[in-house]
């Protein structure tokens, strides 16, 4: 922000100092915005990673648990957006359920404990 020339040297010096401080404030605000974007990006990546890991664990468990396989089939059937359906092309929920039924029929019945160990 350029100031008009002034005959008073003290005033001119103060105005220069104001400009310097304003530039520092602008840089600090830009840095703050950048750090906020980085934090949001990091949070979004962590959320996506959790979803991928949880989805993989669910699909893995659904291969041997008919109830989970049926639940996955219900979730997939509820997807309506074409962009969301695209990754499921070639994915057969019927085969998933059949595999779970076969696995369940051939395996001896034993209670399954699901535990979560916090970090």
PDB file of N, CA and C in Angstrom:
ATOM      1  N   UNK A   1       0.853  -1.162   0.000  1.00  0.00           N
ATOM      2  CA  UNK A   1       0.000   0.000   0.000  1.00  0.00           C
ATOM      3  C   UNK A   1       0.905   1.234   0.000  1.00  0.00           C
ATOM      4  N   UNK A   2       1.013   1.891  -1.124  1.00  0.00           N
ATOM      5  CA  UNK A   2       1.891   3.053  -1.261  1.00  0.00           C
ATOM      6  C   UNK A   2       1.233   4.283  -0.665  1.00  0.00           C
ATOM      7  N   UNK A   3       2.028   5.003   0.096  1.00  0.00           N
ATOM      8  CA  UNK A   3       1.538   6.220   0.744  1.00  0.00           C
ATOM      9  C   UNK A   3       2.012   7.429  -0.069  1.00  0.00           C
ATOM     10  N   UNK A   4       1.231   8.505  -0.050  1.00  0.00           N
ATOM     11  CA  UNK A   4       1.690   9.719  -0.736  1.00  0.00           C
ATOM     12  C   UNK A   4       2.934  10.272  -0.042  1.00  0.00           C
ATOM     13  N   UNK A   5       3.814  10.903  -0.809  1.00  0.00           N
ATOM     14  CA  UNK A   5       5.028  11.456  -0.196  1.00  0.00           C
ATOM     15  C   UNK A   5       4.671  12.507   0.853  1.00  0.00           C
ATOM     16  N   UNK A   6       5.477  12.543   1.882  1.00  0.00           N
ATOM     17  CA  UNK A   6       5.234  13.505   2.962  1.00  0.00           C
ATOM     18  C   UNK A   6       6.535  14.235   3.288  1.00  0.00           C
ATOM     19  N   UNK A   7       6.402  15.465   3.727  1.00  0.00           N
ATOM     20  CA  UNK A   7       7.576  16.282   4.058  1.00  0.00           C
ATOM     21  C   UNK A   7       8.105  15.951   5.444  1.00  0.00           C
ATOM     22  N   UNK A   8       7.263  15.324   6.275  1.00  0.00           N
ATOM     23  CA  UNK A   8       7.654  15.004   7.648  1.00  0.00           C
ATOM     24  C   UNK A   8       8.395  13.661   7.657  1.00  0.00           C
ATOM     25  N   UNK A   9       9.711  13.667   7.966  1.00  0.00           N
ATOM     26  CA  UNK A   9      10.479  12.419   7.945  1.00  0.00           C
ATOM     27  C   UNK A   9       9.998  11.392   8.971  1.00  0.00           C
ATOM     28  N   UNK A  10       9.537  11.853  10.128  1.00  0.00           N
ATOM     29  CA  UNK A  10       9.044  10.910  11.143  1.00  0.00           C
ATOM     30  C   UNK A  10       7.788  10.204  10.643  1.00  0.00           C
ATOM     31  N   UNK A  11       6.910  10.979  10.014  1.00  0.00           N
ATOM     32  CA  UNK A  11       5.685  10.395   9.477  1.00  0.00           C
ATOM     33  C   UNK A  11       6.012   9.417   8.346  1.00  0.00           C
ATOM     34  N   UNK A  12       6.949   9.782   7.498  1.00  0.00           N
ATOM     35  CA  UNK A  12       7.354   8.905   6.397  1.00  0.00           C
ATOM     36  C   UNK A  12       7.912   7.588   6.942  1.00  0.00           C
ATOM     37  N   UNK A  13       8.713   7.672   7.991  1.00  0.00           N
ATOM     38  CA  UNK A  13       9.285   6.467   8.603  1.00  0.00           C
ATOM     39  C   UNK A  13       8.180   5.596   9.190  1.00  0.00           C
ATOM     40  N   UNK A  14       7.227   6.212   9.879  1.00  0.00           N
ATOM     41  CA  UNK A  14       6.105   5.456  10.450  1.00  0.00           C
ATOM     42  C   UNK A  14       5.282   4.768   9.356  1.00  0.00           C
ATOM     43  N   UNK A  15       5.051   5.471   8.270  1.00  0.00           N
ATOM     44  CA  UNK A  15       4.276   4.888   7.166  1.00  0.00           C
ATOM     45  C   UNK A  15       5.010   3.693   6.542  1.00  0.00           C
ATOM     46  N   UNK A  16       6.339   3.795   6.423  1.00  0.00           N
ATOM     47  CA  UNK A  16       7.129   2.661   5.909  1.00  0.00           C
ATOM     48  C   UNK A  16       7.022   1.467   6.855  1.00  0.00           C
ATOM     49  N   UNK A  17       7.083   1.741   8.153  1.00  0.00           N
ATOM     50  CA  UNK A  17       6.958   0.661   9.139  1.00  0.00           C
ATOM     51  C   UNK A  17       5.576   0.015   9.069  1.00  0.00           C
ATOM     52  N   UNK A  18       4.551   0.829   8.849  1.00  0.00           N
ATOM     53  CA  UNK A  18       3.194   0.292   8.696  1.00  0.00           C
ATOM     54  C   UNK A  18       3.144  -0.648   7.487  1.00  0.00           C
ATOM     55  N   UNK A  19       3.737  -0.218   6.374  1.00  0.00           N
ATOM     56  CA  UNK A  19       3.760  -1.063   5.169  1.00  0.00           C
ATOM     57  C   UNK A  19       4.477  -2.385   5.442  1.00  0.00           C
ATOM     58  N   UNK A  20       5.594  -2.323   6.137  1.00  0.00           N
ATOM     59  CA  UNK A  20       6.354  -3.538   6.459  1.00  0.00           C
ATOM     60  C   UNK A  20       5.506  -4.479   7.310  1.00  0.00           C
ATOM     61  N   UNK A  21       4.859  -3.934   8.325  1.00  0.00           N
ATOM     62  CA  UNK A  21       4.017  -4.753   9.206  1.00  0.00           C
ATOM     63  C   UNK A  21       2.842  -5.341   8.425  1.00  0.00           C
ATOM     64  N   UNK A  22       2.241  -4.551   7.539  1.00  0.00           N
ATOM     65  CA  UNK A  22       1.119  -5.057   6.741  1.00  0.00           C
ATOM     66  C   UNK A  22       1.557  -6.208   5.837  1.00  0.00           C
ATOM     67  N   UNK A  23       2.760  -6.109   5.240  1.00  0.00           N
ATOM     68  CA  UNK A  23       3.276  -7.214   4.407  1.00  0.00           C
ATOM     69  C   UNK A  23       3.510  -8.464   5.251  1.00  0.00           C
ATOM     70  N   UNK A  24       4.037  -8.270   6.460  1.00  0.00           N
ATOM     71  CA  UNK A  24       4.247  -9.416   7.357  1.00  0.00           C
ATOM     72  C   UNK A  24       2.914 -10.068   7.719  1.00  0.00           C
ATOM     73  N   UNK A  25       1.908  -9.241   7.957  1.00  0.00           N
ATOM     74  CA  UNK A  25       0.576  -9.776   8.276  1.00  0.00           C
ATOM     75  C   UNK A  25       0.035 -10.577   7.090  1.00  0.00           C
ATOM     76  N   UNK A  26       0.180 -10.031   5.880  1.00  0.00           N
ATOM     77  CA  UNK A  26      -0.288 -10.742   4.683  1.00  0.00           C
ATOM     78  C   UNK A  26       0.417 -12.092   4.542  1.00  0.00           C
ATOM     79  N   UNK A  27       1.736 -12.113   4.762  1.00  0.00           N
ATOM     80  CA  UNK A  27       2.483 -13.377   4.665  1.00  0.00           C
ATOM     81  C   UNK A  27       2.025 -14.361   5.736  1.00  0.00           C
ATOM     82  N   UNK A  28       1.806 -13.848   6.945  1.00  0.00           N
ATOM     83  CA  UNK A  28       1.351 -14.725   8.034  1.00  0.00           C
ATOM     84  C   UNK A  28      -0.038 -15.283   7.738  1.00  0.00           C
ATOM     85  N   UNK A  29      -0.918 -14.462   7.179  1.00  0.00           N
ATOM     86  CA  UNK A  29      -2.255 -14.944   6.828  1.00  0.00           C
ATOM     87  C   UNK A  29      -2.184 -15.992   5.721  1.00  0.00           C
ATOM     88  N   UNK A  30      -1.312 -15.774   4.738  1.00  0.00           N
ATOM     89  CA  UNK A  30      -1.145 -16.755   3.660  1.00  0.00           C
ATOM     90  C   UNK A  30      -0.618 -18.073   4.224  1.00  0.00           C
ATOM     91  N   UNK A  31       0.339 -17.995   5.132  1.00  0.00           N
ATOM     92  CA  UNK A  31       0.874 -19.199   5.760  1.00  0.00           C
ATOM     93  C   UNK A  31      -0.210 -19.907   6.567  1.00  0.00           C
ATOM     94  N   UNK A  32      -1.008 -19.139   7.283  1.00  0.00           N
ATOM     95  CA  UNK A  32      -2.097 -19.717   8.071  1.00  0.00           C
ATOM     96  C   UNK A  32      -3.079 -20.464   7.169  1.00  0.00           C
ATOM     97  N   UNK A  33      -3.455 -19.859   6.056  1.00  0.00           N
ATOM     98  CA  UNK A  33      -4.375 -20.514   5.119  1.00  0.00           C
ATOM     99  C   UNK A  33      -3.758 -21.791   4.550  1.00  0.00           C
ATOM    100  N   UNK A  34      -2.473 -21.735   4.218  1.00  0.00           N
ATOM    101  CA  UNK A  34      -1.786 -22.918   3.679  1.00  0.00           C
ATOM    102  C   UNK A  34      -1.772 -24.046   4.706  1.00  0.00           C
ATOM    103  N   UNK A  35      -1.462 -23.722   5.952  1.00  0.00           N
ATOM    104  CA  UNK A  35      -1.425 -24.739   7.003  1.00  0.00           C
ATOM    105  C   UNK A  35      -2.813 -25.323   7.264  1.00  0.00           C
ATOM    106  N   UNK A  36      -3.840 -24.491   7.192  1.00  0.00           N
ATOM    107  CA  UNK A  36      -5.211 -24.995   7.353  1.00  0.00           C
ATOM    108  C   UNK A  36      -5.561 -25.964   6.232  1.00  0.00           C
ATOM    109  N   UNK A  37      -5.190 -25.619   4.986  1.00  0.00           N
ATOM    110  CA  UNK A  37      -5.447 -26.525   3.851  1.00  0.00           C
ATOM    111  C   UNK A  37      -4.704 -27.843   4.030  1.00  0.00           C
ATOM    112  N   UNK A  38      -3.457 -27.771   4.491  1.00  0.00           N
ATOM    113  CA  UNK A  38      -2.683 -28.988   4.720  1.00  0.00           C
ATOM    114  C   UNK A  38      -3.335 -29.861   5.785  1.00  0.00           C
ATOM    115  N   UNK A  39      -3.840 -29.243   6.850  1.00  0.00           N
ATOM    116  CA  UNK A  39      -4.506 -30.002   7.918  1.00  0.00           C
ATOM    117  C   UNK A  39      -5.772 -30.668   7.396  1.00  0.00           C
ATOM    118  N   UNK A  40      -6.554 -29.954   6.594  1.00  0.00           N
ATOM    119  CA  UNK A  40      -7.776 -30.527   6.021  1.00  0.00           C
ATOM    120  C   UNK A  40      -7.418 -31.680   5.080  1.00  0.00           C
ATOM    121  N   UNK A  41      -6.391 -31.483   4.241  1.00  0.00           N
ATOM    122  CA  UNK A  41      -5.964 -32.544   3.324  1.00  0.00           C
ATOM    123  C   UNK A  41      -5.506 -33.778   4.091  1.00  0.00           C
ATOM    124  N   UNK A  42      -4.748 -33.566   5.149  1.00  0.00           N
ATOM    125  CA  UNK A  42      -4.263 -34.685   5.960  1.00  0.00           C
ATOM    126  C   UNK A  42      -5.439 -35.438   6.578  1.00  0.00           C
ATOM    127  N   UNK A  43      -6.385 -34.703   7.108  1.00  0.00           N
ATOM    128  CA  UNK A  43      -7.568 -35.313   7.724  1.00  0.00           C
ATOM    129  C   UNK A  43      -8.366 -36.106   6.692  1.00  0.00           C
ATOM    130  N   UNK A  44      -8.530 -35.538   5.508  1.00  0.00           N
ATOM    131  CA  UNK A  44      -9.277 -36.217   4.443  1.00  0.00           C
ATOM    132  C   UNK A  44      -8.565 -37.508   4.017  1.00  0.00           C
ATOM    133  N   UNK A  45      -7.241 -37.444   3.880  1.00  0.00           N
ATOM    134  CA  UNK A  45      -6.482 -38.649   3.506  1.00  0.00           C
ATOM    135  C   UNK A  45      -6.601 -39.727   4.578  1.00  0.00           C
ATOM    136  N   UNK A  46      -6.531 -39.335   5.844  1.00  0.00           N
ATOM    137  CA  UNK A  46      -6.659 -40.308   6.936  1.00  0.00           C
ATOM    138  C   UNK A  46      -8.051 -40.938   6.930  1.00  0.00           C
ATOM    139  N   UNK A  47      -9.080 -40.136   6.668  1.00  0.00           N
ATOM    140  CA  UNK A  47     -10.447 -40.654   6.612  1.00  0.00           C
ATOM    141  C   UNK A  47     -10.597 -41.642   5.454  1.00  0.00           C
ATOM    142  N   UNK A  48     -10.040 -41.296   4.298  1.00  0.00           N
ATOM    143  CA  UNK A  48     -10.096 -42.194   3.143  1.00  0.00           C
ATOM    144  C   UNK A  48      -9.374 -43.500   3.443  1.00  0.00           C
ATOM    145  N   UNK A  49      -8.229 -43.418   4.077  1.00  0.00           N
ATOM    146  CA  UNK A  49      -7.470 -44.628   4.431  1.00  0.00           C
ATOM    147  C   UNK A  49      -8.278 -45.517   5.375  1.00  0.00           C
ATOM    148  N   UNK A  50      -8.927 -44.917   6.373  1.00  0.00           N
ATOM    149  CA  UNK A  50      -9.771 -45.702   7.292  1.00  0.00           C
ATOM    150  C   UNK A  50     -10.890 -46.412   6.535  1.00  0.00           C
ATOM    151  N   UNK A  51     -11.520 -45.702   5.608  1.00  0.00           N
ATOM    152  CA  UNK A  51     -12.617 -46.295   4.835  1.00  0.00           C
ATOM    153  C   UNK A  51     -12.129 -47.471   3.994  1.00  0.00           C
ATOM    154  N   UNK A  52     -10.984 -47.323   3.368  1.00  0.00           N
ATOM    155  CA  UNK A  52     -10.435 -48.396   2.539  1.00  0.00           C
ATOM    156  C   UNK A  52     -10.105 -49.613   3.398  1.00  0.00           C
ATOM    157  N   UNK A  53      -9.449 -49.396   4.518  1.00  0.00           N
ATOM    158  CA  UNK A  53      -9.078 -50.508   5.401  1.00  0.00           C
ATOM    159  C   UNK A  53     -10.317 -51.192   5.953  1.00  0.00           C
ATOM    160  N   UNK A  54     -11.276 -50.406   6.418  1.00  0.00           N
ATOM    161  CA  UNK A  54     -12.508 -50.979   6.959  1.00  0.00           C
ATOM    162  C   UNK A  54     -13.288 -51.724   5.881  1.00  0.00           C
ATOM    163  N   UNK A  55     -13.361 -51.154   4.680  1.00  0.00           N
ATOM    164  CA  UNK A  55     -14.046 -51.832   3.574  1.00  0.00           C
ATOM    165  C   UNK A  55     -13.382 -53.156   3.234  1.00  0.00           C
ATOM    166  N   UNK A  56     -12.065 -53.177   3.213  1.00  0.00           N
ATOM    167  CA  UNK A  56     -11.343 -54.421   2.945  1.00  0.00           C
ATOM    168  C   UNK A  56     -11.592 -55.462   4.019  1.00  0.00           C
ATOM    169  N   UNK A  57     -11.587 -55.026   5.267  1.00  0.00           N
ATOM    170  CA  UNK A  57     -11.854 -55.954   6.372  1.00  0.00           C
ATOM    171  C   UNK A  57     -13.280 -56.493   6.289  1.00  0.00           C
ATOM    172  N   UNK A  58     -14.230 -55.632   5.941  1.00  0.00           N
ATOM    173  CA  UNK A  58     -15.624 -56.060   5.813  1.00  0.00           C
ATOM    174  C   UNK A  58     -15.776 -57.073   4.682  1.00  0.00           C
ATOM    175  N   UNK A  59     -15.184 -56.793   3.523  1.00  0.00           N
ATOM    176  CA  UNK A  59     -15.276 -57.738   2.402  1.00  0.00           C
ATOM    177  C   UNK A  59     -14.602 -59.065   2.742  1.00  0.00           C
ATOM    178  N   UNK A  60     -13.477 -59.002   3.420  1.00  0.00           N
ATOM    179  CA  UNK A  60     -12.786 -60.229   3.813  1.00  0.00           C
ATOM    180  C   UNK A  60     -13.657 -61.056   4.758  1.00  0.00           C
ATOM    181  N   UNK A  61     -14.261 -60.405   5.739  1.00  0.00           N
ATOM    182  CA  UNK A  61     -15.133 -61.117   6.679  1.00  0.00           C
ATOM    183  C   UNK A  61     -16.389 -61.628   5.982  1.00  0.00           C
ATOM    184  N   UNK A  62     -16.890 -60.877   5.000  1.00  0.00           N
ATOM    185  CA  UNK A  62     -18.111 -61.275   4.289  1.00  0.00           C
ATOM    186  C   UNK A  62     -17.902 -62.543   3.465  1.00  0.00           C
ATOM    187  N   UNK A  63     -16.665 -62.854   3.127  1.00  0.00           N
ATOM    188  CA  UNK A  63     -16.395 -64.082   2.355  1.00  0.00           C
ATOM    189  C   UNK A  63     -16.650 -65.343   3.179  1.00  0.00           C
ATOM    190  N   UNK A  64     -16.703 -65.195   4.502  1.00  0.00           N
ATOM    191  CA  UNK A  64     -16.936 -66.369   5.345  1.00  0.00           C
ATOM    192  C   UNK A  64     -18.153 -66.218   6.255  1.00  0.00           C
ATOM    193  N   UNK A  65     -18.789 -65.079   6.247  1.00  0.00           N
ATOM    194  CA  UNK A  65     -19.957 -64.829   7.099  1.00  0.00           C
ATOM    195  C   UNK A  65     -21.152 -64.467   6.221  1.00  0.00           C
ATOM    196  N   UNK A  66     -22.111 -65.380   6.050  1.00  0.00           N
ATOM    197  CA  UNK A  66     -23.254 -65.098   5.171  1.00  0.00           C
ATOM    198  C   UNK A  66     -24.033 -63.838   5.562  1.00  0.00           C
ATOM    199  N   UNK A  67     -24.150 -63.571   6.859  1.00  0.00           N
ATOM    200  CA  UNK A  67     -24.891 -62.377   7.281  1.00  0.00           C
ATOM    201  C   UNK A  67     -24.198 -61.101   6.799  1.00  0.00           C
ATOM    202  N   UNK A  68     -22.883 -61.091   6.905  1.00  0.00           N
ATOM    203  CA  UNK A  68     -22.138 -59.923   6.426  1.00  0.00           C
ATOM    204  C   UNK A  68     -22.197 -59.829   4.907  1.00  0.00           C
ATOM    205  N   UNK A  69     -22.139 -60.969   4.235  1.00  0.00           N
ATOM    206  CA  UNK A  69     -22.234 -60.972   2.772  1.00  0.00           C
ATOM    207  C   UNK A  69     -23.576 -60.394   2.330  1.00  0.00           C
ATOM    208  N   UNK A  70     -24.649 -60.769   3.021  1.00  0.00           N
ATOM    209  CA  UNK A  70     -25.973 -60.232   2.692  1.00  0.00           C
ATOM    210  C   UNK A  70     -26.032 -58.727   2.964  1.00  0.00           C
ATOM    211  N   UNK A  71     -25.390 -58.299   4.028  1.00  0.00           N
ATOM    212  CA  UNK A  71     -25.358 -56.871   4.349  1.00  0.00           C
ATOM    213  C   UNK A  71     -24.598 -56.094   3.273  1.00  0.00           C
ATOM    214  N   UNK A  72     -23.474 -56.637   2.833  1.00  0.00           N
ATOM    215  CA  UNK A  72     -22.705 -55.997   1.754  1.00  0.00           C
ATOM    216  C   UNK A  72     -23.568 -55.916   0.498  1.00  0.00           C
ATOM    217  N   UNK A  73     -24.292 -56.988   0.197  1.00  0.00           N
ATOM    218  CA  UNK A  73     -25.166 -56.987  -0.981  1.00  0.00           C
ATOM    219  C   UNK A  73     -26.226 -55.888  -0.870  1.00  0.00           C
ATOM    220  N   UNK A  74     -26.777 -55.699   0.320  1.00  0.00           N
ATOM    221  CA  UNK A  74     -27.771 -54.628   0.522  1.00  0.00           C
ATOM    222  C   UNK A  74     -27.145 -53.254   0.320  1.00  0.00           C
ATOM    223  N   UNK A  75     -25.937 -53.085   0.827  1.00  0.00           N
ATOM    224  CA  UNK A  75     -25.258 -51.798   0.659  1.00  0.00           C
ATOM    225  C   UNK A  75     -24.997 -51.512  -0.820  1.00  0.00           C
ATOM    226  N   UNK A  76     -24.498 -52.511  -1.538  1.00  0.00           N
ATOM    227  CA  UNK A  76     -24.194 -52.328  -2.962  1.00  0.00           C
ATOM    228  C   UNK A  76     -25.478 -52.038  -3.737  1.00  0.00           C
ATOM    229  N   UNK A  77     -26.565 -52.732  -3.406  1.00  0.00           N
ATOM    230  CA  UNK A  77     -27.838 -52.512  -4.097  1.00  0.00           C
ATOM    231  C   UNK A  77     -28.381 -51.105  -3.847  1.00  0.00           C
ATOM    232  N   UNK A  78     -27.999 -50.494  -2.748  1.00  0.00           N
ATOM    233  CA  UNK A  78     -28.494 -49.157  -2.416  1.00  0.00           C
ATOM    234  C   UNK A  78     -27.733 -48.041  -3.135  1.00  0.00           C
ATOM    235  N   UNK A  79     -26.638 -48.376  -3.783  1.00  0.00           N
ATOM    236  CA  UNK A  79     -25.844 -47.367  -4.493  1.00  0.00           C
ATOM    237  C   UNK A  79     -26.581 -46.981  -5.773  1.00  0.00           C
ATOM    238  N   UNK A  80     -26.761 -45.682  -5.986  1.00  0.00           N
ATOM    239  CA  UNK A  80     -27.525 -45.227  -7.154  1.00  0.00           C
ATOM    240  C   UNK A  80     -26.724 -44.340  -8.104  1.00  0.00           C
ATOM    241  N   UNK A  81     -25.735 -43.644  -7.614  1.00  0.00           N
ATOM    242  CA  UNK A  81     -24.967 -42.747  -8.490  1.00  0.00           C
ATOM    243  C   UNK A  81     -24.094 -43.547  -9.443  1.00  0.00           C
ATOM    244  N   UNK A  82     -24.174 -43.252 -10.749  1.00  0.00           N
ATOM    245  CA  UNK A  82     -23.364 -43.987 -11.730  1.00  0.00           C
ATOM    246  C   UNK A  82     -21.870 -43.962 -11.410  1.00  0.00           C
ATOM    247  N   UNK A  83     -21.365 -42.831 -10.955  1.00  0.00           N
ATOM    248  CA  UNK A  83     -19.933 -42.741 -10.632  1.00  0.00           C
ATOM    249  C   UNK A  83     -19.575 -43.660  -9.473  1.00  0.00           C
ATOM    250  N   UNK A  84     -20.497 -43.842  -8.538  1.00  0.00           N
ATOM    251  CA  UNK A  84     -20.251 -44.728  -7.400  1.00  0.00           C
ATOM    252  C   UNK A  84     -20.414 -46.193  -7.788  1.00  0.00           C
ATOM    253  N   UNK A  85     -21.257 -46.467  -8.783  1.00  0.00           N
ATOM    254  CA  UNK A  85     -21.482 -47.846  -9.232  1.00  0.00           C
ATOM    255  C   UNK A  85     -20.324 -48.369 -10.081  1.00  0.00           C
ATOM    256  N   UNK A  86     -19.626 -47.473 -10.759  1.00  0.00           N
ATOM    257  CA  UNK A  86     -18.560 -47.877 -11.689  1.00  0.00           C
ATOM    258  C   UNK A  86     -17.543 -48.839 -11.060  1.00  0.00           C
ATOM    259  N   UNK A  87     -17.029 -48.586  -9.854  1.00  0.00           N
ATOM    260  CA  UNK A  87     -16.050 -49.518  -9.276  1.00  0.00           C
ATOM    261  C   UNK A  87     -16.619 -50.910  -8.991  1.00  0.00           C
ATOM    262  N   UNK A  88     -17.942 -51.038  -8.990  1.00  0.00           N
ATOM    263  CA  UNK A  88     -18.556 -52.328  -8.682  1.00  0.00           C
ATOM    264  C   UNK A  88     -18.900 -53.132  -9.936  1.00  0.00           C
ATOM    265  N   UNK A  89     -18.538 -52.623 -11.114  1.00  0.00           N
ATOM    266  CA  UNK A  89     -18.751 -53.393 -12.339  1.00  0.00           C
ATOM    267  C   UNK A  89     -17.933 -54.678 -12.233  1.00  0.00           C
ATOM    268  N   UNK A  90     -18.592 -55.796 -12.453  1.00  0.00           N
ATOM    269  CA  UNK A  90     -17.916 -57.087 -12.353  1.00  0.00           C
ATOM    270  C   UNK A  90     -17.884 -57.651 -10.943  1.00  0.00           C
ATOM    271  N   UNK A  91     -18.342 -56.897  -9.976  1.00  0.00           N
ATOM    272  CA  UNK A  91     -18.391 -57.366  -8.587  1.00  0.00           C
ATOM    273  C   UNK A  91     -19.730 -58.057  -8.387  1.00  0.00           C
ATOM    274  N   UNK A  92     -19.693 -59.329  -8.014  1.00  0.00           N
ATOM    275  CA  UNK A  92     -20.922 -60.105  -7.868  1.00  0.00           C
ATOM    276  C   UNK A  92     -21.224 -60.352  -6.395  1.00  0.00           C
ATOM    277  N   UNK A  93     -22.290 -59.732  -5.919  1.00  0.00           N
ATOM    278  CA  UNK A  93     -22.688 -59.973  -4.537  1.00  0.00           C
ATOM    279  C   UNK A  93     -23.244 -61.387  -4.383  1.00  0.00           C
ATOM    280  N   UNK A  94     -23.835 -61.921  -5.468  1.00  0.00           N
ATOM    281  CA  UNK A  94     -24.335 -63.299  -5.407  1.00  0.00           C
ATOM    282  C   UNK A  94     -23.183 -64.278  -5.172  1.00  0.00           C
ATOM    283  N   UNK A  95     -22.073 -64.054  -5.874  1.00  0.00           N
ATOM    284  CA  UNK A  95     -20.901 -64.916  -5.679  1.00  0.00           C
ATOM    285  C   UNK A  95     -20.340 -64.753  -4.268  1.00  0.00           C
ATOM    286  N   UNK A  96     -20.352 -63.542  -3.756  1.00  0.00           N
ATOM    287  CA  UNK A  96     -19.870 -63.291  -2.393  1.00  0.00           C
ATOM    288  C   UNK A  96     -20.723 -64.059  -1.386  1.00  0.00           C
ATOM    289  N   UNK A  97     -22.041 -63.989  -1.546  1.00  0.00           N
ATOM    290  CA  UNK A  97     -22.948 -64.700  -0.640  1.00  0.00           C
ATOM    291  C   UNK A  97     -22.761 -66.206  -0.777  1.00  0.00           C
ATOM    292  N   UNK A  98     -22.653 -66.700  -2.021  1.00  0.00           N
ATOM    293  CA  UNK A  98     -22.463 -68.139  -2.243  1.00  0.00           C
ATOM    294  C   UNK A  98     -21.155 -68.617  -1.618  1.00  0.00           C
ATOM    295  N   UNK A  99     -20.096 -67.839  -1.773  1.00  0.00           N
ATOM    296  CA  UNK A  99     -18.805 -68.214  -1.185  1.00  0.00           C
ATOM    297  C   UNK A  99     -18.905 -68.250   0.335  1.00  0.00           C
ATOM    298  N   UNK A 100     -19.605 -67.299   0.908  1.00  0.00           N
ATOM    299  CA  UNK A 100     -19.767 -67.266   2.363  1.00  0.00           C
ATOM    300  C   UNK A 100     -20.580 -68.462   2.834  1.00  0.00           C
ATOM    301  N   UNK A 101     -21.623 -68.814   2.072  1.00  0.00           N
ATOM    302  CA  UNK A 101     -22.451 -69.970   2.437  1.00  0.00           C
ATOM    303  C   UNK A 101     -21.623 -71.251   2.357  1.00  0.00           C
ATOM    304  N   UNK A 102     -20.840 -71.397   1.280  1.00  0.00           N
ATOM    305  CA  UNK A 102     -19.986 -72.581   1.132  1.00  0.00           C
ATOM    306  C   UNK A 102     -18.970 -72.649   2.264  1.00  0.00           C
ATOM    307  N   UNK A 103     -18.339 -71.533   2.537  1.00  0.00           N
ATOM    308  CA  UNK A 103     -17.336 -71.470   3.602  1.00  0.00           C
ATOM    309  C   UNK A 103     -17.977 -71.800   4.942  1.00  0.00           C
ATOM    310  N   UNK A 104     -19.147 -71.260   5.162  1.00  0.00           N
ATOM    311  CA  UNK A 104     -19.846 -71.452   6.425  1.00  0.00           C
ATOM    312  C   UNK A 104     -20.321 -72.898   6.574  1.00  0.00           C
ATOM    313  N   UNK A 105     -20.754 -73.514   5.481  1.00  0.00           N
ATOM    314  CA  UNK A 105     -21.253 -74.889   5.533  1.00  0.00           C
ATOM    315  C   UNK A 105     -20.118 -75.882   5.764  1.00  0.00           C
ATOM    316  N   UNK A 106     -18.943 -75.602   5.209  1.00  0.00           N
ATOM    317  CA  UNK A 106     -17.835 -76.553   5.320  1.00  0.00           C
ATOM    318  C   UNK A 106     -17.019 -76.372   6.596  1.00  0.00           C
ATOM    319  N   UNK A 107     -17.105 -75.223   7.211  1.00  0.00           N
ATOM    320  CA  UNK A 107     -16.304 -74.966   8.412  1.00  0.00           C
ATOM    321  C   UNK A 107     -17.084 -75.353   9.662  1.00  0.00           C
ATOM    322  N   UNK A 108     -16.389 -75.922  10.648  1.00  0.00           N
ATOM    323  CA  UNK A 108     -17.076 -76.207  11.907  1.00  0.00           C
ATOM    324  C   UNK A 108     -17.504 -74.899  12.571  1.00  0.00           C
ATOM    325  N   UNK A 109     -18.630 -74.940  13.197  1.00  0.00           N
ATOM    326  CA  UNK A 109     -19.186 -73.750  13.847  1.00  0.00           C
ATOM    327  C   UNK A 109     -18.404 -73.445  15.117  1.00  0.00           C
ATOM    328  N   UNK A 110     -17.874 -72.258  15.219  1.00  0.00           N
ATOM    329  CA  UNK A 110     -17.205 -71.821  16.436  1.00  0.00           C
ATOM    330  C   UNK A 110     -17.501 -70.349  16.631  1.00  0.00           C
ATOM    331  N   UNK A 111     -17.600 -69.940  17.855  1.00  0.00           N
ATOM    332  CA  UNK A 111     -17.896 -68.525  18.092  1.00  0.00           C
ATOM    333  C   UNK A 111     -16.746 -67.654  17.606  1.00  0.00           C
ATOM    334  N   UNK A 112     -17.096 -66.545  17.059  1.00  0.00           N
ATOM    335  CA  UNK A 112     -16.081 -65.635  16.548  1.00  0.00           C
ATOM    336  C   UNK A 112     -16.107 -64.361  17.371  1.00  0.00           C
ATOM    337  N   UNK A 113     -14.958 -63.998  17.892  1.00  0.00           N
ATOM    338  CA  UNK A 113     -14.856 -62.774  18.684  1.00  0.00           C
ATOM    339  C   UNK A 113     -14.216 -61.699  17.836  1.00  0.00           C
ATOM    340  N   UNK A 114     -14.871 -60.590  17.796  1.00  0.00           N
ATOM    341  CA  UNK A 114     -14.298 -59.435  17.126  1.00  0.00           C
ATOM    342  C   UNK A 114     -13.797 -58.496  18.210  1.00  0.00           C
ATOM    343  N   UNK A 115     -12.536 -58.190  18.166  1.00  0.00           N
ATOM    344  CA  UNK A 115     -11.973 -57.302  19.175  1.00  0.00           C
ATOM    345  C   UNK A 115     -11.267 -56.153  18.488  1.00  0.00           C
ATOM    346  N   UNK A 116     -11.213 -55.080  19.184  1.00  0.00           N
ATOM    347  CA  UNK A 116     -10.500 -53.903  18.700  1.00  0.00           C
ATOM    348  C   UNK A 116      -9.457 -53.547  19.744  1.00  0.00           C
ATOM    349  N   UNK A 117      -8.232 -53.471  19.300  1.00  0.00           N
ATOM    350  CA  UNK A 117      -7.155 -53.090  20.207  1.00  0.00           C
ATOM    351  C   UNK A 117      -6.762 -51.658  19.891  1.00  0.00           C
ATOM    352  N   UNK A 118      -7.016 -50.735  20.810  1.00  0.00           N
ATOM    353  CA  UNK A 118      -6.636 -49.339  20.552  1.00  0.00           C
ATOM    354  C   UNK A 118      -5.129 -49.203  20.466  1.00  0.00           C
ATOM    355  N   UNK A 119      -4.707 -48.216  19.714  1.00  0.00           N
ATOM    356  CA  UNK A 119      -3.261 -47.961  19.553  1.00  0.00           C
ATOM    357  C   UNK A 119      -2.639 -47.555  20.850  1.00  0.00           C
TER     358      UNK A 119
END
